[in-house]
Amino acid sequence: MLTDKNLKIFTLKECINKISNITATGEHTVGLILGLARRTVLYNKSIIEKNEWNRELYMGSQLSNKTIGIIGLGRIGKQVAKTCKSLSMNILAYDIKEH
């Protein structure tokens, strides 16, 4: 189980009425993934603190043809999958329920 490995599971089932813009939530999730893949925060910090533009030091990777694993294909998971598909990513998904 995930809890045996000290991994936490979060669900937003109870927030159905509080999260009305699932598109924005899915896009934000993919934006965070893009930031990690492209190393945006490290690059930005280097430019601000050191006035340094070292492309090779902070070279990220593109998401096209990469594989993403999505656990849970509820409203947000489906939106993330849709957005990742538009970036030509391979999608592996699991949901306890069939949709």
N, C-alpha and C. Protein backbone atom coordinates (compact mmCIF):
# COMPACT_ATOMS: atom_id res chain seq x y z
N MET A 1 0.82 -1.18 0.00
CA MET A 1 0.00 0.00 0.00
C MET A 1 0.87 1.25 0.00
N LEU A 2 0.31 2.32 -0.48
CA LEU A 2 1.05 3.58 -0.51
C LEU A 2 1.38 4.07 0.89
N THR A 3 0.48 3.87 1.83
CA THR A 3 0.74 4.35 3.19
C THR A 3 1.91 3.60 3.83
N ASP A 4 2.16 2.36 3.42
CA ASP A 4 3.32 1.62 3.92
C ASP A 4 4.62 2.28 3.49
N LYS A 5 4.58 3.00 2.39
CA LYS A 5 5.76 3.69 1.87
C LYS A 5 5.76 5.16 2.26
N ASN A 6 4.89 5.52 3.20
CA ASN A 6 4.78 6.89 3.73
C ASN A 6 4.36 7.89 2.65
N LEU A 7 3.54 7.43 1.70
CA LEU A 7 2.99 8.31 0.67
C LEU A 7 1.56 8.64 1.04
N LYS A 8 1.20 9.90 0.89
CA LYS A 8 -0.13 10.34 1.26
C LYS A 8 -1.03 10.37 0.03
N ILE A 9 -2.28 10.09 0.25
CA ILE A 9 -3.27 10.11 -0.81
C ILE A 9 -4.25 11.23 -0.49
N PHE A 10 -4.50 12.08 -1.47
CA PHE A 10 -5.44 13.18 -1.31
C PHE A 10 -6.59 12.98 -2.27
N THR A 11 -7.77 13.28 -1.83
CA THR A 11 -8.94 13.20 -2.69
C THR A 11 -9.76 14.48 -2.53
N LEU A 12 -10.43 14.84 -3.57
CA LEU A 12 -11.27 16.04 -3.54
C LEU A 12 -12.74 15.69 -3.72
N LYS A 13 -13.11 14.45 -3.38
CA LYS A 13 -14.50 14.02 -3.54
C LYS A 13 -15.48 14.94 -2.83
N GLU A 14 -15.11 15.37 -1.64
CA GLU A 14 -16.01 16.21 -0.85
C GLU A 14 -16.05 17.65 -1.36
N CYS A 15 -15.23 17.99 -2.31
CA CYS A 15 -15.13 19.38 -2.78
C CYS A 15 -15.83 19.60 -4.12
N ILE A 16 -16.75 18.74 -4.49
CA ILE A 16 -17.39 18.84 -5.79
C ILE A 16 -18.00 20.22 -6.02
N ASN A 17 -18.66 20.78 -5.03
CA ASN A 17 -19.29 22.08 -5.20
C ASN A 17 -18.32 23.24 -5.02
N LYS A 18 -17.15 22.98 -4.47
CA LYS A 18 -16.18 24.05 -4.22
C LYS A 18 -15.23 24.26 -5.39
N ILE A 19 -15.01 23.24 -6.17
CA ILE A 19 -14.11 23.35 -7.32
C ILE A 19 -14.97 23.29 -8.57
N SER A 20 -15.31 24.45 -9.09
CA SER A 20 -16.21 24.49 -10.24
C SER A 20 -15.45 24.56 -11.56
N ASN A 21 -14.22 25.02 -11.55
CA ASN A 21 -13.48 25.16 -12.80
C ASN A 21 -12.40 24.08 -12.89
N ILE A 22 -12.82 22.90 -13.28
CA ILE A 22 -11.90 21.77 -13.37
C ILE A 22 -10.87 21.98 -14.47
N THR A 23 -11.24 22.68 -15.53
CA THR A 23 -10.26 22.95 -16.59
C THR A 23 -9.07 23.70 -16.03
N ALA A 24 -9.31 24.74 -15.25
CA ALA A 24 -8.22 25.53 -14.68
C ALA A 24 -7.38 24.69 -13.72
N THR A 25 -8.03 23.83 -12.95
CA THR A 25 -7.30 22.98 -12.00
C THR A 25 -6.39 22.00 -12.74
N GLY A 26 -6.91 21.39 -13.79
CA GLY A 26 -6.10 20.47 -14.60
C GLY A 26 -4.95 21.19 -15.29
N GLU A 27 -5.23 22.37 -15.82
CA GLU A 27 -4.18 23.16 -16.48
C GLU A 27 -3.11 23.57 -15.48
N HIS A 28 -3.52 23.94 -14.28
CA HIS A 28 -2.54 24.32 -13.26
C HIS A 28 -1.65 23.13 -12.91
N THR A 29 -2.24 21.96 -12.79
CA THR A 29 -1.47 20.75 -12.51
C THR A 29 -0.44 20.51 -13.60
N VAL A 30 -0.85 20.61 -14.84
CA VAL A 30 0.09 20.40 -15.96
C VAL A 30 1.12 21.52 -15.99
N GLY A 31 0.73 22.73 -15.62
CA GLY A 31 1.69 23.84 -15.53
C GLY A 31 2.79 23.54 -14.52
N LEU A 32 2.41 22.98 -13.38
CA LEU A 32 3.41 22.60 -12.38
C LEU A 32 4.34 21.50 -12.92
N ILE A 33 3.77 20.55 -13.64
CA ILE A 33 4.58 19.48 -14.25
C ILE A 33 5.55 20.08 -15.26
N LEU A 34 5.07 21.02 -16.08
CA LEU A 34 5.93 21.70 -17.05
C LEU A 34 7.07 22.43 -16.34
N GLY A 35 6.74 23.11 -15.25
CA GLY A 35 7.76 23.84 -14.49
C GLY A 35 8.84 22.92 -13.97
N LEU A 36 8.45 21.74 -13.50
CA LEU A 36 9.44 20.77 -13.02
C LEU A 36 10.29 20.23 -14.18
N ALA A 37 9.63 19.88 -15.26
CA ALA A 37 10.35 19.32 -16.41
C ALA A 37 11.31 20.32 -17.02
N ARG A 38 10.91 21.58 -17.08
CA ARG A 38 11.74 22.61 -17.70
C ARG A 38 12.65 23.31 -16.70
N ARG A 39 12.55 22.94 -15.43
CA ARG A 39 13.40 23.48 -14.35
C ARG A 39 13.26 25.00 -14.23
N THR A 40 12.05 25.46 -14.40
CA THR A 40 11.75 26.89 -14.45
C THR A 40 12.18 27.63 -13.20
N VAL A 41 11.91 27.09 -12.03
CA VAL A 41 12.23 27.78 -10.78
C VAL A 41 13.74 27.93 -10.63
N LEU A 42 14.50 26.87 -10.91
CA LEU A 42 15.96 26.96 -10.80
C LEU A 42 16.53 27.97 -11.79
N TYR A 43 16.01 27.95 -13.01
CA TYR A 43 16.47 28.88 -14.04
C TYR A 43 16.17 30.33 -13.64
N ASN A 44 14.96 30.56 -13.18
CA ASN A 44 14.55 31.89 -12.77
C ASN A 44 15.40 32.40 -11.60
N LYS A 45 15.64 31.53 -10.63
CA LYS A 45 16.45 31.90 -9.47
C LYS A 45 17.87 32.28 -9.88
N SER A 46 18.42 31.52 -10.80
CA SER A 46 19.77 31.80 -11.29
C SER A 46 19.85 33.16 -11.99
N ILE A 47 18.83 33.46 -12.76
CA ILE A 47 18.81 34.74 -13.48
C ILE A 47 18.67 35.90 -12.50
N ILE A 48 17.78 35.75 -11.52
CA ILE A 48 17.54 36.83 -10.56
C ILE A 48 18.73 37.02 -9.62
N GLU A 49 19.24 35.93 -9.06
CA GLU A 49 20.29 36.04 -8.03
C GLU A 49 21.69 36.22 -8.61
N LYS A 50 21.96 35.57 -9.74
CA LYS A 50 23.33 35.59 -10.27
C LYS A 50 23.44 36.33 -11.60
N ASN A 51 22.30 36.79 -12.13
CA ASN A 51 22.27 37.40 -13.45
C ASN A 51 22.96 36.47 -14.46
N GLU A 52 22.66 35.19 -14.31
CA GLU A 52 23.34 34.15 -15.10
C GLU A 52 22.33 33.42 -15.99
N TRP A 53 22.67 33.28 -17.24
CA TRP A 53 21.87 32.54 -18.21
C TRP A 53 22.72 31.39 -18.71
N ASN A 54 22.69 30.28 -17.98
CA ASN A 54 23.48 29.12 -18.33
C ASN A 54 22.55 28.02 -18.80
N ARG A 55 22.28 28.01 -20.07
CA ARG A 55 21.30 27.09 -20.64
C ARG A 55 21.65 25.63 -20.36
N GLU A 56 22.90 25.26 -20.49
CA GLU A 56 23.28 23.87 -20.32
C GLU A 56 23.18 23.41 -18.86
N LEU A 57 23.45 24.32 -17.92
CA LEU A 57 23.37 23.97 -16.51
C LEU A 57 21.94 23.66 -16.07
N TYR A 58 20.99 24.38 -16.63
CA TYR A 58 19.60 24.20 -16.22
C TYR A 58 18.73 23.62 -17.33
N MET A 59 19.32 22.84 -18.21
CA MET A 59 18.58 22.25 -19.32
C MET A 59 17.50 21.32 -18.78
N GLY A 60 16.29 21.56 -19.17
CA GLY A 60 15.18 20.70 -18.77
C GLY A 60 14.89 19.69 -19.85
N SER A 61 13.74 19.08 -19.76
CA SER A 61 13.36 18.13 -20.80
C SER A 61 11.95 18.43 -21.27
N GLN A 62 11.69 18.08 -22.51
CA GLN A 62 10.37 18.32 -23.06
C GLN A 62 9.43 17.20 -22.64
N LEU A 63 8.15 17.48 -22.64
CA LEU A 63 7.17 16.49 -22.22
C LEU A 63 6.67 15.62 -23.38
N SER A 64 6.81 16.10 -24.60
CA SER A 64 6.37 15.34 -25.75
C SER A 64 7.01 13.96 -25.75
N ASN A 65 6.21 12.94 -25.94
CA ASN A 65 6.62 11.53 -25.97
C ASN A 65 7.05 10.98 -24.60
N LYS A 66 6.90 11.77 -23.54
CA LYS A 66 7.14 11.26 -22.20
C LYS A 66 5.86 10.57 -21.72
N THR A 67 5.97 9.74 -20.71
CA THR A 67 4.83 9.03 -20.16
C THR A 67 4.48 9.59 -18.80
N ILE A 68 3.20 9.85 -18.59
CA ILE A 68 2.71 10.31 -17.31
C ILE A 68 1.79 9.23 -16.74
N GLY A 69 1.90 9.02 -15.44
CA GLY A 69 1.00 8.11 -14.74
C GLY A 69 -0.01 8.91 -13.95
N ILE A 70 -1.26 8.65 -14.16
CA ILE A 70 -2.32 9.36 -13.46
C ILE A 70 -3.11 8.34 -12.65
N ILE A 71 -3.17 8.57 -11.36
CA ILE A 71 -3.94 7.71 -10.48
C ILE A 71 -5.23 8.44 -10.15
N GLY A 72 -6.32 7.91 -10.62
CA GLY A 72 -7.62 8.52 -10.40
C GLY A 72 -8.08 9.27 -11.63
N LEU A 73 -9.14 8.79 -12.24
CA LEU A 73 -9.67 9.45 -13.43
C LEU A 73 -11.04 10.07 -13.13
N GLY A 74 -11.03 10.86 -12.07
CA GLY A 74 -12.22 11.66 -11.78
C GLY A 74 -12.18 12.90 -12.64
N ARG A 75 -12.84 13.95 -12.18
CA ARG A 75 -12.93 15.17 -12.97
C ARG A 75 -11.56 15.77 -13.25
N ILE A 76 -10.70 15.84 -12.25
CA ILE A 76 -9.38 16.46 -12.43
C ILE A 76 -8.46 15.53 -13.22
N GLY A 77 -8.44 14.26 -12.87
CA GLY A 77 -7.58 13.30 -13.57
C GLY A 77 -7.86 13.26 -15.06
N LYS A 78 -9.15 13.30 -15.43
CA LYS A 78 -9.51 13.31 -16.85
C LYS A 78 -9.03 14.58 -17.53
N GLN A 79 -9.13 15.71 -16.84
CA GLN A 79 -8.68 16.98 -17.42
C GLN A 79 -7.17 16.99 -17.61
N VAL A 80 -6.44 16.46 -16.61
CA VAL A 80 -4.98 16.38 -16.72
C VAL A 80 -4.62 15.47 -17.91
N ALA A 81 -5.29 14.35 -18.03
CA ALA A 81 -5.02 13.43 -19.15
C ALA A 81 -5.28 14.11 -20.49
N LYS A 82 -6.37 14.84 -20.58
CA LYS A 82 -6.72 15.54 -21.82
C LYS A 82 -5.64 16.57 -22.19
N THR A 83 -5.18 17.33 -21.20
CA THR A 83 -4.16 18.35 -21.46
C THR A 83 -2.83 17.70 -21.82
N CYS A 84 -2.47 16.63 -21.12
CA CYS A 84 -1.21 15.93 -21.42
C CYS A 84 -1.25 15.29 -22.81
N LYS A 85 -2.40 14.79 -23.19
CA LYS A 85 -2.54 14.21 -24.53
C LYS A 85 -2.29 15.28 -25.59
N SER A 86 -2.75 16.50 -25.33
CA SER A 86 -2.54 17.59 -26.30
C SER A 86 -1.06 17.96 -26.40
N LEU A 87 -0.26 17.57 -25.40
CA LEU A 87 1.19 17.80 -25.43
C LEU A 87 1.94 16.59 -25.99
N SER A 88 1.20 15.67 -26.59
CA SER A 88 1.75 14.44 -27.19
C SER A 88 2.44 13.55 -26.17
N MET A 89 1.88 13.51 -24.97
CA MET A 89 2.41 12.63 -23.93
C MET A 89 1.70 11.29 -23.97
N ASN A 90 2.39 10.25 -23.54
CA ASN A 90 1.79 8.93 -23.37
C ASN A 90 1.14 8.92 -21.99
N ILE A 91 -0.04 8.34 -21.90
CA ILE A 91 -0.77 8.39 -20.65
C ILE A 91 -1.04 6.97 -20.15
N LEU A 92 -0.62 6.73 -18.90
CA LEU A 92 -0.98 5.52 -18.18
C LEU A 92 -1.88 5.98 -17.04
N ALA A 93 -3.03 5.37 -16.93
CA ALA A 93 -3.97 5.81 -15.91
C ALA A 93 -4.59 4.63 -15.20
N TYR A 94 -4.92 4.86 -13.95
CA TYR A 94 -5.60 3.84 -13.16
C TYR A 94 -6.69 4.52 -12.34
N ASP A 95 -7.82 3.87 -12.28
CA ASP A 95 -8.89 4.34 -11.43
C ASP A 95 -9.55 3.11 -10.82
N ILE A 96 -9.89 3.20 -9.57
CA ILE A 96 -10.51 2.08 -8.88
C ILE A 96 -11.86 1.75 -9.49
N LYS A 97 -12.51 2.75 -10.05
CA LYS A 97 -13.80 2.57 -10.71
C LYS A 97 -13.60 2.64 -12.22
N GLU A 98 -14.40 1.91 -12.94
CA GLU A 98 -14.39 2.05 -14.40
C GLU A 98 -15.27 3.22 -14.76
N HIS A 99 -14.79 4.07 -15.67
CA HIS A 99 -15.57 5.24 -16.08
C HIS A 99 -16.08 5.05 -17.48
